[in-house]
Amino acid sequence: MDVDKEYFSNITTRERAIFEGAISMGALFHQFVGTPVNKDTKKSLETSMEESLKLQPAIEDVEVEIRFDKLEESMTEFDYTSLTGDMLDVKIHTKVENVKAIIRIEFIEELNYPLMYVEKIED
């Protein structure tokens, strides 16, 4: 079966590149927010997030950084905290045919919000 022809012929390649990154970003956010984390598990959690998303269609690369400053602010007396959206700085690089997109989430201080957005498109 030609999945592209069957299910994605109604959108452009550009839209598909954005879709693939956006759907993966939403999955990352809702799957991992709430995960227990501390300074000792930060790196392994970042790696797990990157490796799991790289399995998705059209994902070329994933860069995950859990902001240590936000992590430190949230630590409990039990030496861990739960991952929150404001700790995430993530870039998902997608490629569909000749179109590349970077979908990003980062905490925007002025908005006081972890914003997901399209950072870059290359046709």
PDB file of N, CA and C in Angstrom:
ATOM      1  N   MET A   1       0.838  -1.179   0.000  1.00  0.00           N
ATOM      2  CA  MET A   1       0.000   0.000   0.000  1.00  0.00           C
ATOM      3  C   MET A   1       0.888   1.249   0.000  1.00  0.00           C
ATOM      4  N   ASP A   2       0.534   2.213  -0.792  1.00  0.00           N
ATOM      5  CA  ASP A   2       1.228   3.496  -0.830  1.00  0.00           C
ATOM      6  C   ASP A   2       0.560   4.414   0.188  1.00  0.00           C
ATOM      7  N   VAL A   3       1.143   4.484   1.376  1.00  0.00           N
ATOM      8  CA  VAL A   3       0.566   5.271   2.479  1.00  0.00           C
ATOM      9  C   VAL A   3       0.465   6.743   2.100  1.00  0.00           C
ATOM     10  N   ASP A   4       1.497   7.260   1.456  1.00  0.00           N
ATOM     11  CA  ASP A   4       1.465   8.674   1.064  1.00  0.00           C
ATOM     12  C   ASP A   4       0.284   8.968   0.146  1.00  0.00           C
ATOM     13  N   LYS A   5       0.090   8.121  -0.860  1.00  0.00           N
ATOM     14  CA  LYS A   5      -1.000   8.330  -1.816  1.00  0.00           C
ATOM     15  C   LYS A   5      -2.361   8.119  -1.153  1.00  0.00           C
ATOM     16  N   GLU A   6      -2.452   7.098  -0.310  1.00  0.00           N
ATOM     17  CA  GLU A   6      -3.726   6.736   0.315  1.00  0.00           C
ATOM     18  C   GLU A   6      -4.174   7.737   1.385  1.00  0.00           C
ATOM     19  N   TYR A   7      -3.224   8.236   2.196  1.00  0.00           N
ATOM     20  CA  TYR A   7      -3.611   9.016   3.370  1.00  0.00           C
ATOM     21  C   TYR A   7      -3.099  10.460   3.404  1.00  0.00           C
ATOM     22  N   PHE A   8      -2.144  10.793   2.570  1.00  0.00           N
ATOM     23  CA  PHE A   8      -1.566  12.133   2.654  1.00  0.00           C
ATOM     24  C   PHE A   8      -1.601  12.897   1.337  1.00  0.00           C
ATOM     25  N   SER A   9      -2.351  12.440   0.384  1.00  0.00           N
ATOM     26  CA  SER A   9      -2.406  13.121  -0.914  1.00  0.00           C
ATOM     27  C   SER A   9      -3.184  14.435  -0.839  1.00  0.00           C
ATOM     28  N   ASN A  10      -3.896  14.662   0.247  1.00  0.00           N
ATOM     29  CA  ASN A  10      -4.688  15.881   0.387  1.00  0.00           C
ATOM     30  C   ASN A  10      -3.915  17.026   1.045  1.00  0.00           C
ATOM     31  N   ILE A  11      -2.616  16.798   1.369  1.00  0.00           N
ATOM     32  CA  ILE A  11      -1.806  17.869   1.938  1.00  0.00           C
ATOM     33  C   ILE A  11      -0.477  17.953   1.178  1.00  0.00           C
ATOM     34  N   THR A  12       0.185  19.096   1.307  1.00  0.00           N
ATOM     35  CA  THR A  12       1.461  19.289   0.626  1.00  0.00           C
ATOM     36  C   THR A  12       2.584  18.583   1.400  1.00  0.00           C
ATOM     37  N   THR A  13       3.709  18.433   0.743  1.00  0.00           N
ATOM     38  CA  THR A  13       4.884  17.849   1.387  1.00  0.00           C
ATOM     39  C   THR A  13       5.308  18.714   2.569  1.00  0.00           C
ATOM     40  N   ARG A  14       5.227  20.005   2.412  1.00  0.00           N
ATOM     41  CA  ARG A  14       5.545  20.956   3.495  1.00  0.00           C
ATOM     42  C   ARG A  14       4.637  20.702   4.702  1.00  0.00           C
ATOM     43  N   GLU A  15       3.344  20.587   4.445  1.00  0.00           N
ATOM     44  CA  GLU A  15       2.392  20.325   5.533  1.00  0.00           C
ATOM     45  C   GLU A  15       2.673  18.982   6.194  1.00  0.00           C
ATOM     46  N   ARG A  16       3.056  18.012   5.409  1.00  0.00           N
ATOM     47  CA  ARG A  16       3.358  16.683   5.957  1.00  0.00           C
ATOM     48  C   ARG A  16       4.589  16.724   6.865  1.00  0.00           C
ATOM     49  N   ALA A  17       5.612  17.471   6.467  1.00  0.00           N
ATOM     50  CA  ALA A  17       6.811  17.602   7.295  1.00  0.00           C
ATOM     51  C   ALA A  17       6.465  18.247   8.638  1.00  0.00           C
ATOM     52  N   ILE A  18       5.616  19.251   8.605  1.00  0.00           N
ATOM     53  CA  ILE A  18       5.168  19.905   9.845  1.00  0.00           C
ATOM     54  C   ILE A  18       4.317  18.945  10.656  1.00  0.00           C
ATOM     55  N   PHE A  19       3.383  18.259  10.024  1.00  0.00           N
ATOM     56  CA  PHE A  19       2.514  17.300  10.705  1.00  0.00           C
ATOM     57  C   PHE A  19       3.325  16.246  11.450  1.00  0.00           C
ATOM     58  N   GLU A  20       4.296  15.639  10.781  1.00  0.00           N
ATOM     59  CA  GLU A  20       5.077  14.563  11.405  1.00  0.00           C
ATOM     60  C   GLU A  20       5.805  15.058  12.646  1.00  0.00           C
ATOM     61  N   GLY A  21       6.387  16.245  12.569  1.00  0.00           N
ATOM     62  CA  GLY A  21       7.063  16.796  13.743  1.00  0.00           C
ATOM     63  C   GLY A  21       6.106  17.184  14.848  1.00  0.00           C
ATOM     64  N   ALA A  22       4.991  17.780  14.469  1.00  0.00           N
ATOM     65  CA  ALA A  22       4.021  18.244  15.463  1.00  0.00           C
ATOM     66  C   ALA A  22       3.360  17.085  16.204  1.00  0.00           C
ATOM     67  N   ILE A  23       3.014  16.038  15.488  1.00  0.00           N
ATOM     68  CA  ILE A  23       2.371  14.897  16.138  1.00  0.00           C
ATOM     69  C   ILE A  23       3.346  14.214  17.085  1.00  0.00           C
ATOM     70  N   SER A  24       4.615  14.168  16.701  1.00  0.00           N
ATOM     71  CA  SER A  24       5.634  13.585  17.572  1.00  0.00           C
ATOM     72  C   SER A  24       5.893  14.464  18.795  1.00  0.00           C
ATOM     73  N   MET A  25       5.871  15.787  18.611  1.00  0.00           N
ATOM     74  CA  MET A  25       6.068  16.698  19.742  1.00  0.00           C
ATOM     75  C   MET A  25       4.927  16.563  20.745  1.00  0.00           C
ATOM     76  N   GLY A  26       3.708  16.466  20.247  1.00  0.00           N
ATOM     77  CA  GLY A  26       2.567  16.274  21.142  1.00  0.00           C
ATOM     78  C   GLY A  26       2.666  14.965  21.903  1.00  0.00           C
ATOM     79  N   ALA A  27       3.103  13.916  21.222  1.00  0.00           N
ATOM     80  CA  ALA A  27       3.282  12.618  21.881  1.00  0.00           C
ATOM     81  C   ALA A  27       4.345  12.707  22.954  1.00  0.00           C
ATOM     82  N   LEU A  28       5.473  13.342  22.639  1.00  0.00           N
ATOM     83  CA  LEU A  28       6.545  13.504  23.629  1.00  0.00           C
ATOM     84  C   LEU A  28       6.031  14.227  24.864  1.00  0.00           C
ATOM     85  N   PHE A  29       5.360  15.344  24.648  1.00  0.00           N
ATOM     86  CA  PHE A  29       4.880  16.154  25.763  1.00  0.00           C
ATOM     87  C   PHE A  29       3.946  15.353  26.661  1.00  0.00           C
ATOM     88  N   HIS A  30       2.958  14.721  26.069  1.00  0.00           N
ATOM     89  CA  HIS A  30       1.951  14.035  26.880  1.00  0.00           C
ATOM     90  C   HIS A  30       2.423  12.694  27.419  1.00  0.00           C
ATOM     91  N   GLN A  31       3.424  12.118  26.806  1.00  0.00           N
ATOM     92  CA  GLN A  31       3.968  10.862  27.316  1.00  0.00           C
ATOM     93  C   GLN A  31       4.923  11.085  28.478  1.00  0.00           C
ATOM     94  N   PHE A  32       5.761  12.113  28.414  1.00  0.00           N
ATOM     95  CA  PHE A  32       6.837  12.252  29.385  1.00  0.00           C
ATOM     96  C   PHE A  32       6.578  13.264  30.501  1.00  0.00           C
ATOM     97  N   VAL A  33       5.708  14.251  30.307  1.00  0.00           N
ATOM     98  CA  VAL A  33       5.420  15.192  31.391  1.00  0.00           C
ATOM     99  C   VAL A  33       4.829  14.395  32.548  1.00  0.00           C
ATOM    100  N   GLY A  34       5.394  14.614  33.715  1.00  0.00           N
ATOM    101  CA  GLY A  34       4.984  13.877  34.908  1.00  0.00           C
ATOM    102  C   GLY A  34       5.973  12.791  35.294  1.00  0.00           C
ATOM    103  N   THR A  35       6.944  12.513  34.425  1.00  0.00           N
ATOM    104  CA  THR A  35       7.951  11.492  34.711  1.00  0.00           C
ATOM    105  C   THR A  35       8.844  11.962  35.862  1.00  0.00           C
ATOM    106  N   PRO A  36       9.095  11.122  36.853  1.00  0.00           N
ATOM    107  CA  PRO A  36      10.024  11.497  37.911  1.00  0.00           C
ATOM    108  C   PRO A  36      11.433  11.683  37.340  1.00  0.00           C
ATOM    109  N   VAL A  37      12.116  12.755  37.790  1.00  0.00           N
ATOM    110  CA  VAL A  37      13.456  13.063  37.284  1.00  0.00           C
ATOM    111  C   VAL A  37      14.251  13.794  38.356  1.00  0.00           C
ATOM    112  N   ASN A  38      15.560  13.573  38.343  1.00  0.00           N
ATOM    113  CA  ASN A  38      16.466  14.359  39.172  1.00  0.00           C
ATOM    114  C   ASN A  38      17.750  14.577  38.387  1.00  0.00           C
ATOM    115  N   LYS A  39      18.738  15.205  39.015  1.00  0.00           N
ATOM    116  CA  LYS A  39      19.972  15.522  38.285  1.00  0.00           C
ATOM    117  C   LYS A  39      20.696  14.264  37.827  1.00  0.00           C
ATOM    118  N   ASP A  40      20.527  13.141  38.539  1.00  0.00           N
ATOM    119  CA  ASP A  40      21.199  11.900  38.161  1.00  0.00           C
ATOM    120  C   ASP A  40      20.512  11.185  36.996  1.00  0.00           C
ATOM    121  N   THR A  41      19.216  11.382  36.821  1.00  0.00           N
ATOM    122  CA  THR A  41      18.477  10.695  35.753  1.00  0.00           C
ATOM    123  C   THR A  41      18.173  11.598  34.559  1.00  0.00           C
ATOM    124  N   LYS A  42      18.503  12.870  34.674  1.00  0.00           N
ATOM    125  CA  LYS A  42      18.229  13.852  33.614  1.00  0.00           C
ATOM    126  C   LYS A  42      18.754  13.387  32.254  1.00  0.00           C
ATOM    127  N   LYS A  43      20.014  13.018  32.165  1.00  0.00           N
ATOM    128  CA  LYS A  43      20.626  12.635  30.880  1.00  0.00           C
ATOM    129  C   LYS A  43      19.972  11.382  30.292  1.00  0.00           C
ATOM    130  N   SER A  44      19.726  10.381  31.133  1.00  0.00           N
ATOM    131  CA  SER A  44      19.120   9.157  30.600  1.00  0.00           C
ATOM    132  C   SER A  44      17.687   9.411  30.130  1.00  0.00           C
ATOM    133  N   LEU A  45      16.969  10.311  30.801  1.00  0.00           N
ATOM    134  CA  LEU A  45      15.619  10.647  30.354  1.00  0.00           C
ATOM    135  C   LEU A  45      15.673  11.401  29.026  1.00  0.00           C
ATOM    136  N   GLU A  46      16.617  12.339  28.894  1.00  0.00           N
ATOM    137  CA  GLU A  46      16.777  13.044  27.618  1.00  0.00           C
ATOM    138  C   GLU A  46      17.056  12.052  26.488  1.00  0.00           C
ATOM    139  N   THR A  47      17.963  11.122  26.739  1.00  0.00           N
ATOM    140  CA  THR A  47      18.316  10.122  25.723  1.00  0.00           C
ATOM    141  C   THR A  47      17.129   9.237  25.380  1.00  0.00           C
ATOM    142  N   SER A  48      16.377   8.812  26.378  1.00  0.00           N
ATOM    143  CA  SER A  48      15.186   7.976  26.134  1.00  0.00           C
ATOM    144  C   SER A  48      14.166   8.702  25.272  1.00  0.00           C
ATOM    145  N   MET A  49      13.967   9.969  25.556  1.00  0.00           N
ATOM    146  CA  MET A  49      13.022  10.757  24.772  1.00  0.00           C
ATOM    147  C   MET A  49      13.491  10.861  23.316  1.00  0.00           C
ATOM    148  N   GLU A  50      14.771  11.149  23.128  1.00  0.00           N
ATOM    149  CA  GLU A  50      15.323  11.270  21.780  1.00  0.00           C
ATOM    150  C   GLU A  50      15.208   9.959  21.011  1.00  0.00           C
ATOM    151  N   GLU A  51      15.655   8.886  21.618  1.00  0.00           N
ATOM    152  CA  GLU A  51      15.672   7.590  20.930  1.00  0.00           C
ATOM    153  C   GLU A  51      14.272   7.097  20.592  1.00  0.00           C
ATOM    154  N   SER A  52      13.310   7.307  21.484  1.00  0.00           N
ATOM    155  CA  SER A  52      11.956   6.828  21.202  1.00  0.00           C
ATOM    156  C   SER A  52      11.316   7.604  20.055  1.00  0.00           C
ATOM    157  N   LEU A  53      11.540   8.918  19.998  1.00  0.00           N
ATOM    158  CA  LEU A  53      10.937   9.704  18.919  1.00  0.00           C
ATOM    159  C   LEU A  53      11.585   9.445  17.572  1.00  0.00           C
ATOM    160  N   LYS A  54      12.856   9.095  17.571  1.00  0.00           N
ATOM    161  CA  LYS A  54      13.543   8.817  16.308  1.00  0.00           C
ATOM    162  C   LYS A  54      12.965   7.591  15.591  1.00  0.00           C
ATOM    163  N   LEU A  55      12.170   6.802  16.282  1.00  0.00           N
ATOM    164  CA  LEU A  55      11.531   5.643  15.661  1.00  0.00           C
ATOM    165  C   LEU A  55      10.347   6.032  14.774  1.00  0.00           C
ATOM    166  N   GLN A  56       9.832   7.239  14.932  1.00  0.00           N
ATOM    167  CA  GLN A  56       8.648   7.681  14.207  1.00  0.00           C
ATOM    168  C   GLN A  56       8.973   8.000  12.747  1.00  0.00           C
ATOM    169  N   PRO A  57       7.980   7.853  11.859  1.00  0.00           N
ATOM    170  CA  PRO A  57       8.197   8.159  10.438  1.00  0.00           C
ATOM    171  C   PRO A  57       8.630   9.606  10.231  1.00  0.00           C
ATOM    172  N   ALA A  58       9.560   9.804   9.332  1.00  0.00           N
ATOM    173  CA  ALA A  58      10.024  11.120   8.885  1.00  0.00           C
ATOM    174  C   ALA A  58      10.856  11.880   9.917  1.00  0.00           C
ATOM    175  N   ILE A  59      11.136  11.303  11.057  1.00  0.00           N
ATOM    176  CA  ILE A  59      11.945  11.992  12.065  1.00  0.00           C
ATOM    177  C   ILE A  59      13.413  11.710  11.773  1.00  0.00           C
ATOM    178  N   GLU A  60      14.152  12.773  11.465  1.00  0.00           N
ATOM    179  CA  GLU A  60      15.585  12.636  11.178  1.00  0.00           C
ATOM    180  C   GLU A  60      16.435  12.735  12.431  1.00  0.00           C
ATOM    181  N   ASP A  61      16.069  13.648  13.330  1.00  0.00           N
ATOM    182  CA  ASP A  61      16.851  13.845  14.539  1.00  0.00           C
ATOM    183  C   ASP A  61      15.967  14.470  15.600  1.00  0.00           C
ATOM    184  N   VAL A  62      16.380  14.280  16.846  1.00  0.00           N
ATOM    185  CA  VAL A  62      15.673  14.862  17.988  1.00  0.00           C
ATOM    186  C   VAL A  62      16.733  15.353  18.968  1.00  0.00           C
ATOM    187  N   GLU A  63      16.556  16.570  19.431  1.00  0.00           N
ATOM    188  CA  GLU A  63      17.445  17.148  20.440  1.00  0.00           C
ATOM    189  C   GLU A  63      16.601  17.484  21.668  1.00  0.00           C
ATOM    190  N   VAL A  64      16.900  16.850  22.793  1.00  0.00           N
ATOM    191  CA  VAL A  64      16.150  17.096  24.020  1.00  0.00           C
ATOM    192  C   VAL A  64      17.093  17.639  25.078  1.00  0.00           C
ATOM    193  N   GLU A  65      16.698  18.745  25.668  1.00  0.00           N
ATOM    194  CA  GLU A  65      17.399  19.268  26.830  1.00  0.00           C
ATOM    195  C   GLU A  65      16.374  19.524  27.916  1.00  0.00           C
ATOM    196  N   ILE A  66      16.602  18.926  29.066  1.00  0.00           N
ATOM    197  CA  ILE A  66      15.801  19.242  30.240  1.00  0.00           C
ATOM    198  C   ILE A  66      16.542  20.364  30.945  1.00  0.00           C
ATOM    199  N   ARG A  67      15.926  21.514  31.012  1.00  0.00           N
ATOM    200  CA  ARG A  67      16.586  22.700  31.569  1.00  0.00           C
ATOM    201  C   ARG A  67      16.913  22.477  33.039  1.00  0.00           C
ATOM    202  N   PHE A  68      18.180  22.438  33.328  1.00  0.00           N
ATOM    203  CA  PHE A  68      18.648  22.151  34.679  1.00  0.00           C
ATOM    204  C   PHE A  68      18.192  23.211  35.672  1.00  0.00           C
ATOM    205  N   ASP A  69      18.145  24.495  35.250  1.00  0.00           N
ATOM    206  CA  ASP A  69      17.700  25.545  36.157  1.00  0.00           C
ATOM    207  C   ASP A  69      16.264  25.311  36.608  1.00  0.00           C
ATOM    208  N   LYS A  70      15.402  24.932  35.681  1.00  0.00           N
ATOM    209  CA  LYS A  70      14.003  24.658  36.034  1.00  0.00           C
ATOM    210  C   LYS A  70      13.894  23.385  36.871  1.00  0.00           C
ATOM    211  N   LEU A  71      14.735  22.409  36.562  1.00  0.00           N
ATOM    212  CA  LEU A  71      14.756  21.162  37.328  1.00  0.00           C
ATOM    213  C   LEU A  71      15.145  21.439  38.773  1.00  0.00           C
ATOM    214  N   GLU A  72      16.188  22.219  38.968  1.00  0.00           N
ATOM    215  CA  GLU A  72      16.669  22.541  40.321  1.00  0.00           C
ATOM    216  C   GLU A  72      15.617  23.296  41.124  1.00  0.00           C
ATOM    217  N   GLU A  73      14.901  24.215  40.479  1.00  0.00           N
ATOM    218  CA  GLU A  73      13.858  24.995  41.153  1.00  0.00           C
ATOM    219  C   GLU A  73      12.737  24.106  41.684  1.00  0.00           C
ATOM    220  N   SER A  74      12.508  22.993  41.035  1.00  0.00           N
ATOM    221  CA  SER A  74      11.360  22.141  41.347  1.00  0.00           C
ATOM    222  C   SER A  74      11.666  20.980  42.284  1.00  0.00           C
ATOM    223  N   MET A  75      12.915  20.801  42.671  1.00  0.00           N
ATOM    224  CA  MET A  75      13.297  19.643  43.478  1.00  0.00           C
ATOM    225  C   MET A  75      12.529  19.605  44.801  1.00  0.00           C
ATOM    226  N   THR A  76      12.151  18.414  45.182  1.00  0.00           N
ATOM    227  CA  THR A  76      11.455  18.217  46.444  1.00  0.00           C
ATOM    228  C   THR A  76      12.451  17.747  47.505  1.00  0.00           C
ATOM    229  N   GLU A  77      11.987  17.618  48.710  1.00  0.00           N
ATOM    230  CA  GLU A  77      12.847  17.116  49.794  1.00  0.00           C
ATOM    231  C   GLU A  77      13.255  15.670  49.556  1.00  0.00           C
ATOM    232  N   PHE A  78      12.619  14.995  48.611  1.00  0.00           N
ATOM    233  CA  PHE A  78      12.936  13.601  48.305  1.00  0.00           C
ATOM    234  C   PHE A  78      13.963  13.478  47.179  1.00  0.00           C
ATOM    235  N   ASP A  79      14.565  14.611  46.783  1.00  0.00           N
ATOM    236  CA  ASP A  79      15.627  14.666  45.784  1.00  0.00           C
ATOM    237  C   ASP A  79      15.176  14.253  44.384  1.00  0.00           C
ATOM    238  N   TYR A  80      13.933  14.544  44.041  1.00  0.00           N
ATOM    239  CA  TYR A  80      13.454  14.381  42.667  1.00  0.00           C
ATOM    240  C   TYR A  80      12.268  15.300  42.477  1.00  0.00           C
ATOM    241  N   THR A  81      11.858  15.432  41.237  1.00  0.00           N
ATOM    242  CA  THR A  81      10.660  16.197  40.907  1.00  0.00           C
ATOM    243  C   THR A  81       9.997  15.522  39.717  1.00  0.00           C
ATOM    244  N   SER A  82       8.863  16.036  39.309  1.00  0.00           N
ATOM    245  CA  SER A  82       8.193  15.538  38.112  1.00  0.00           C
ATOM    246  C   SER A  82       8.490  16.484  36.958  1.00  0.00           C
ATOM    247  N   LEU A  83       8.781  15.906  35.810  1.00  0.00           N
ATOM    248  CA  LEU A  83       9.061  16.696  34.621  1.00  0.00           C
ATOM    249  C   LEU A  83       7.843  17.543  34.273  1.00  0.00           C
ATOM    250  N   THR A  84       8.082  18.815  33.977  1.00  0.00           N
ATOM    251  CA  THR A  84       7.018  19.725  33.562  1.00  0.00           C
ATOM    252  C   THR A  84       7.385  20.348  32.221  1.00  0.00           C
ATOM    253  N   GLY A  85       6.409  20.899  31.550  1.00  0.00           N
ATOM    254  CA  GLY A  85       6.627  21.486  30.236  1.00  0.00           C
ATOM    255  C   GLY A  85       7.641  22.616  30.235  1.00  0.00           C
ATOM    256  N   ASP A  86       7.724  23.362  31.333  1.00  0.00           N
ATOM    257  CA  ASP A  86       8.664  24.484  31.363  1.00  0.00           C
ATOM    258  C   ASP A  86      10.119  24.039  31.457  1.00  0.00           C
ATOM    259  N   MET A  87      10.369  22.767  31.703  1.00  0.00           N
ATOM    260  CA  MET A  87      11.730  22.232  31.751  1.00  0.00           C
ATOM    261  C   MET A  87      12.223  21.793  30.378  1.00  0.00           C
ATOM    262  N   LEU A  88      11.324  21.678  29.412  1.00  0.00           N
ATOM    263  CA  LEU A  88      11.671  21.098  28.109  1.00  0.00           C
ATOM    264  C   LEU A  88      12.175  22.123  27.103  1.00  0.00           C
ATOM    265  N   ASP A  89      13.260  21.778  26.450  1.00  0.00           N
ATOM    266  CA  ASP A  89      13.736  22.490  25.270  1.00  0.00           C
ATOM    267  C   ASP A  89      14.038  21.394  24.248  1.00  0.00           C
ATOM    268  N   VAL A  90      13.128  21.224  23.299  1.00  0.00           N
ATOM    269  CA  VAL A  90      13.191  20.091  22.374  1.00  0.00           C
ATOM    270  C   VAL A  90      13.074  20.594  20.938  1.00  0.00           C
ATOM    271  N   LYS A  91      13.909  20.022  20.073  1.00  0.00           N
ATOM    272  CA  LYS A  91      13.808  20.263  18.628  1.00  0.00           C
ATOM    273  C   LYS A  91      13.629  18.915  17.947  1.00  0.00           C
ATOM    274  N   ILE A  92      12.605  18.822  17.121  1.00  0.00           N
ATOM    275  CA  ILE A  92      12.365  17.630  16.317  1.00  0.00           C
ATOM    276  C   ILE A  92      12.601  18.004  14.856  1.00  0.00           C
ATOM    277  N   HIS A  93      13.549  17.316  14.227  1.00  0.00           N
ATOM    278  CA  HIS A  93      13.904  17.556  12.829  1.00  0.00           C
ATOM    279  C   HIS A  93      13.199  16.501  11.968  1.00  0.00           C
ATOM    280  N   THR A  94      12.384  16.966  11.033  1.00  0.00           N
ATOM    281  CA  THR A  94      11.690  16.037  10.137  1.00  0.00           C
ATOM    282  C   THR A  94      12.147  16.260   8.703  1.00  0.00           C
ATOM    283  N   LYS A  95      11.958  15.209   7.902  1.00  0.00           N
ATOM    284  CA  LYS A  95      12.219  15.326   6.469  1.00  0.00           C
ATOM    285  C   LYS A  95      11.193  14.479   5.728  1.00  0.00           C
ATOM    286  N   VAL A  96      10.502  15.112   4.818  1.00  0.00           N
ATOM    287  CA  VAL A  96       9.559  14.431   3.930  1.00  0.00           C
ATOM    288  C   VAL A  96       9.926  14.873   2.520  1.00  0.00           C
ATOM    289  N   GLU A  97      10.340  13.903   1.712  1.00  0.00           N
ATOM    290  CA  GLU A  97      10.868  14.180   0.370  1.00  0.00           C
ATOM    291  C   GLU A  97      11.986  15.211   0.494  1.00  0.00           C
ATOM    292  N   ASN A  98      11.823  16.395  -0.113  1.00  0.00           N
ATOM    293  CA  ASN A  98      12.878  17.405  -0.075  1.00  0.00           C
ATOM    294  C   ASN A  98      12.624  18.510   0.953  1.00  0.00           C
ATOM    295  N   VAL A  99      11.632  18.349   1.784  1.00  0.00           N
ATOM    296  CA  VAL A  99      11.273  19.376   2.757  1.00  0.00           C
ATOM    297  C   VAL A  99      11.733  18.965   4.147  1.00  0.00           C
ATOM    298  N   LYS A 100      12.418  19.898   4.800  1.00  0.00           N
ATOM    299  CA  LYS A 100      12.863  19.680   6.175  1.00  0.00           C
ATOM    300  C   LYS A 100      12.175  20.699   7.080  1.00  0.00           C
ATOM    301  N   ALA A 101      11.801  20.247   8.272  1.00  0.00           N
ATOM    302  CA  ALA A 101      11.177  21.138   9.248  1.00  0.00           C
ATOM    303  C   ALA A 101      11.795  20.905  10.618  1.00  0.00           C
ATOM    304  N   ILE A 102      11.820  21.957  11.396  1.00  0.00           N
ATOM    305  CA  ILE A 102      12.207  21.842  12.799  1.00  0.00           C
ATOM    306  C   ILE A 102      11.026  22.322  13.624  1.00  0.00           C
ATOM    307  N   ILE A 103      10.513  21.422  14.442  1.00  0.00           N
ATOM    308  CA  ILE A 103       9.410  21.724  15.354  1.00  0.00           C
ATOM    309  C   ILE A 103      10.033  21.836  16.742  1.00  0.00           C
ATOM    310  N   ARG A 104       9.653  22.852  17.490  1.00  0.00           N
ATOM    311  CA  ARG A 104      10.324  23.096  18.766  1.00  0.00           C
ATOM    312  C   ARG A 104       9.324  23.352  19.883  1.00  0.00           C
ATOM    313  N   ILE A 105       9.732  22.979  21.082  1.00  0.00           N
ATOM    314  CA  ILE A 105       9.062  23.432  22.294  1.00  0.00           C
ATOM    315  C   ILE A 105      10.138  24.030  23.180  1.00  0.00           C
ATOM    316  N   GLU A 106       9.835  25.192  23.722  1.00  0.00           N
ATOM    317  CA  GLU A 106      10.709  25.830  24.694  1.00  0.00           C
ATOM    318  C   GLU A 106       9.856  26.735  25.570  1.00  0.00           C
ATOM    319  N   PHE A 107      10.340  26.948  26.781  1.00  0.00           N
ATOM    320  CA  PHE A 107       9.633  27.831  27.698  1.00  0.00           C
ATOM    321  C   PHE A 107       9.924  29.269  27.315  1.00  0.00           C
ATOM    322  N   ILE A 108       8.877  30.031  27.042  1.00  0.00           N
ATOM    323  CA  ILE A 108       8.997  31.442  26.684  1.00  0.00           C
ATOM    324  C   ILE A 108       8.643  32.257  27.923  1.00  0.00           C
ATOM    325  N   GLU A 109       9.657  32.902  28.488  1.00  0.00           N
ATOM    326  CA  GLU A 109       9.476  33.657  29.743  1.00  0.00           C
ATOM    327  C   GLU A 109       8.362  34.695  29.633  1.00  0.00           C
ATOM    328  N   GLU A 110       8.341  35.455  28.509  1.00  0.00           N
ATOM    329  CA  GLU A 110       7.348  36.524  28.344  1.00  0.00           C
ATOM    330  C   GLU A 110       5.918  35.990  28.344  1.00  0.00           C
ATOM    331  N   LEU A 111       5.755  34.758  27.898  1.00  0.00           N
ATOM    332  CA  LEU A 111       4.430  34.135  27.867  1.00  0.00           C
ATOM    333  C   LEU A 111       4.159  33.308  29.126  1.00  0.00           C
ATOM    334  N   ASN A 112       5.240  32.992  29.862  1.00  0.00           N
ATOM    335  CA  ASN A 112       5.153  32.090  31.006  1.00  0.00           C
ATOM    336  C   ASN A 112       4.497  30.773  30.578  1.00  0.00           C
ATOM    337  N   TYR A 113       5.028  30.237  29.442  1.00  0.00           N
ATOM    338  CA  TYR A 113       4.363  29.099  28.809  1.00  0.00           C
ATOM    339  C   TYR A 113       5.363  28.294  27.978  1.00  0.00           C
ATOM    340  N   PRO A 114       5.270  26.952  28.016  1.00  0.00           N
ATOM    341  CA  PRO A 114       6.089  26.127  27.130  1.00  0.00           C
ATOM    342  C   PRO A 114       5.433  26.052  25.743  1.00  0.00           C
ATOM    343  N   LEU A 115       5.942  26.836  24.806  1.00  0.00           N
ATOM    344  CA  LEU A 115       5.313  26.997  23.500  1.00  0.00           C
ATOM    345  C   LEU A 115       5.863  25.997  22.484  1.00  0.00           C
ATOM    346  N   MET A 116       4.961  25.316  21.775  1.00  0.00           N
ATOM    347  CA  MET A 116       5.314  24.469  20.642  1.00  0.00           C
ATOM    348  C   MET A 116       5.099  25.289  19.376  1.00  0.00           C
ATOM    349  N   TYR A 117       6.123  25.280  18.498  1.00  0.00           N
ATOM    350  CA  TYR A 117       5.998  26.076  17.282  1.00  0.00           C
ATOM    351  C   TYR A 117       6.896  25.521  16.175  1.00  0.00           C
ATOM    352  N   VAL A 118       6.665  25.987  14.952  1.00  0.00           N
ATOM    353  CA  VAL A 118       7.503  25.624  13.821  1.00  0.00           C
ATOM    354  C   VAL A 118       8.670  26.613  13.810  1.00  0.00           C
ATOM    355  N   GLU A 119       9.883  26.085  14.078  1.00  0.00           N
ATOM    356  CA  GLU A 119      11.044  26.977  14.144  1.00  0.00           C
ATOM    357  C   GLU A 119      11.630  27.275  12.773  1.00  0.00           C
ATOM    358  N   LYS A 120      11.602  26.276  11.869  1.00  0.00           N
ATOM    359  CA  LYS A 120      12.240  26.468  10.580  1.00  0.00           C
ATOM    360  C   LYS A 120      11.670  25.483   9.565  1.00  0.00           C
ATOM    361  N   ILE A 121      11.578  25.953   8.313  1.00  0.00           N
ATOM    362  CA  ILE A 121      11.176  25.106   7.178  1.00  0.00           C
ATOM    363  C   ILE A 121      12.163  25.346   6.057  1.00  0.00           C
ATOM    364  N   GLU A 122      12.651  24.271   5.469  1.00  0.00           N
ATOM    365  CA  GLU A 122      13.522  24.356   4.293  1.00  0.00           C
ATOM    366  C   GLU A 122      12.903  23.537   3.172  1.00  0.00           C
ATOM    367  N   ASP A 123      12.606  24.215   2.058  1.00  0.00           N
ATOM    368  CA  ASP A 123      12.051  23.527   0.888  1.00  0.00           C
ATOM    369  C   ASP A 123      13.145  23.117  -0.057  1.00  0.00           C
TER     370      ASP A 123
END
